[in-house]
Amino acid sequence: MAEVAQSIMEKAEARFVDKQKKTAERNKATAEYMSEAKARIIKTARLRELRLAKEEADRVAEALNPTPKKKRTAVKKAGAAPKGEKS
């Protein structure tokens, strides 16, 4: 009878140790995930700030040195007769 009780205790101890290991692994994975998410948020914010600063600099540069707008040239259609001439 003592052997049966010992066997049950050993099994219970093994299950307890397994649960502790799984919990530790889960906590580690969660910590890694949260760390990566935080790093991604920080990087995204930094890149957004850089993009906004560049867009603002581009707007200022455009205001100081506006690019001349291209004039549209009329394109004659093939087969169209010039004014004053009859086909």
Protein backbone atom coordinates (compact mmCIF):
# COMPACT_ATOMS: atom_id res chain seq x y z
CA MET A 1 0.00 0.00 0.00
CA ALA A 2 2.88 2.30 0.74
CA GLU A 3 4.22 1.67 -2.74
CA VAL A 4 0.93 2.74 -4.32
CA ALA A 5 0.88 5.94 -2.27
CA GLN A 6 4.51 6.61 -3.22
CA SER A 7 3.73 6.03 -6.90
CA ILE A 8 0.76 8.42 -6.75
CA MET A 9 2.91 11.07 -5.05
CA GLU A 10 5.63 10.69 -7.68
CA LYS A 11 3.11 11.08 -10.50
CA ALA A 12 1.59 14.12 -8.82
CA GLU A 13 5.03 15.62 -8.32
CA ALA A 14 5.93 15.00 -11.98
CA ARG A 15 2.68 16.65 -13.17
CA PHE A 16 3.33 19.60 -10.88
CA VAL A 17 6.87 20.04 -12.24
CA ASP A 18 5.58 19.79 -15.83
CA LYS A 19 2.95 22.46 -15.13
CA GLN A 20 5.58 24.72 -13.62
CA LYS A 21 7.82 24.30 -16.68
CA LYS A 22 4.95 25.02 -19.06
CA THR A 23 3.95 28.08 -17.06
CA ALA A 24 7.52 29.37 -17.11
CA GLU A 25 7.76 28.81 -20.89
CA ARG A 26 4.41 30.55 -21.43
CA ASN A 27 5.51 33.52 -19.34
CA LYS A 28 8.78 33.73 -21.25
CA ALA A 29 6.99 33.63 -24.61
CA THR A 30 4.53 36.30 -23.48
CA ALA A 31 7.38 38.52 -22.30
CA GLU A 32 9.16 38.11 -25.65
CA TYR A 33 5.96 38.92 -27.54
CA MET A 34 5.31 42.02 -25.46
CA SER A 35 8.92 43.14 -25.87
CA GLU A 36 8.72 42.77 -29.65
CA ALA A 37 5.39 44.59 -29.75
CA LYS A 38 6.80 47.48 -27.72
CA ALA A 39 9.87 47.68 -29.99
CA ARG A 40 7.60 47.69 -33.06
CA ILE A 41 5.49 50.52 -31.62
CA ILE A 42 8.60 52.57 -30.84
CA LYS A 43 10.06 51.98 -34.31
CA THR A 44 6.77 52.86 -36.00
CA ALA A 45 6.52 56.10 -34.01
CA ARG A 46 10.11 57.02 -34.91
CA LEU A 47 9.54 56.33 -38.61
CA ARG A 48 6.29 58.32 -38.54
CA GLU A 49 8.09 61.30 -37.01
CA LEU A 50 10.79 61.08 -39.68
CA ARG A 51 8.17 60.89 -42.44
CA LEU A 52 6.23 63.86 -41.08
CA ALA A 53 9.42 65.92 -40.75
CA LYS A 54 10.39 65.10 -44.34
CA GLU A 55 6.92 65.99 -45.63
CA GLU A 56 7.05 69.31 -43.77
CA ALA A 57 10.52 70.05 -45.17
CA ASP A 58 9.24 69.23 -48.66
CA ARG A 59 6.26 71.59 -48.20
CA VAL A 60 8.55 74.40 -47.04
CA ALA A 61 10.95 73.83 -49.94
CA GLU A 62 8.04 73.84 -52.39
CA ALA A 63 6.71 77.08 -50.91
CA LEU A 64 10.12 78.74 -51.23
CA ASN A 65 10.91 77.40 -54.69
CA PRO A 66 7.71 76.57 -56.55
CA THR A 67 8.19 74.42 -59.60
CA PRO A 68 6.88 75.98 -62.80
CA LYS A 69 3.80 74.28 -64.13
CA LYS A 70 4.16 72.75 -67.57
CA LYS A 71 1.99 74.21 -70.29
CA ARG A 72 -0.09 71.76 -72.19
CA THR A 73 0.56 71.74 -75.87
CA ALA A 74 -2.23 71.04 -78.30
CA VAL A 75 -1.81 67.76 -80.09
CA LYS A 76 -3.14 67.69 -83.62
CA LYS A 77 -5.14 64.65 -84.52
CA ALA A 78 -3.95 62.69 -87.50
CA GLY A 79 -6.21 63.14 -90.51
CA ALA A 80 -7.64 66.44 -89.32
CA ALA A 81 -7.46 69.20 -91.91
CA PRO A 82 -5.90 72.51 -90.89
CA LYS A 83 -8.22 75.48 -90.62
CA GLY A 84 -9.13 77.12 -93.88
CA GLU A 85 -8.34 74.08 -96.03
CA LYS A 86 -10.89 71.69 -97.42
CA SER A 87 -10.30 68.06 -97.81
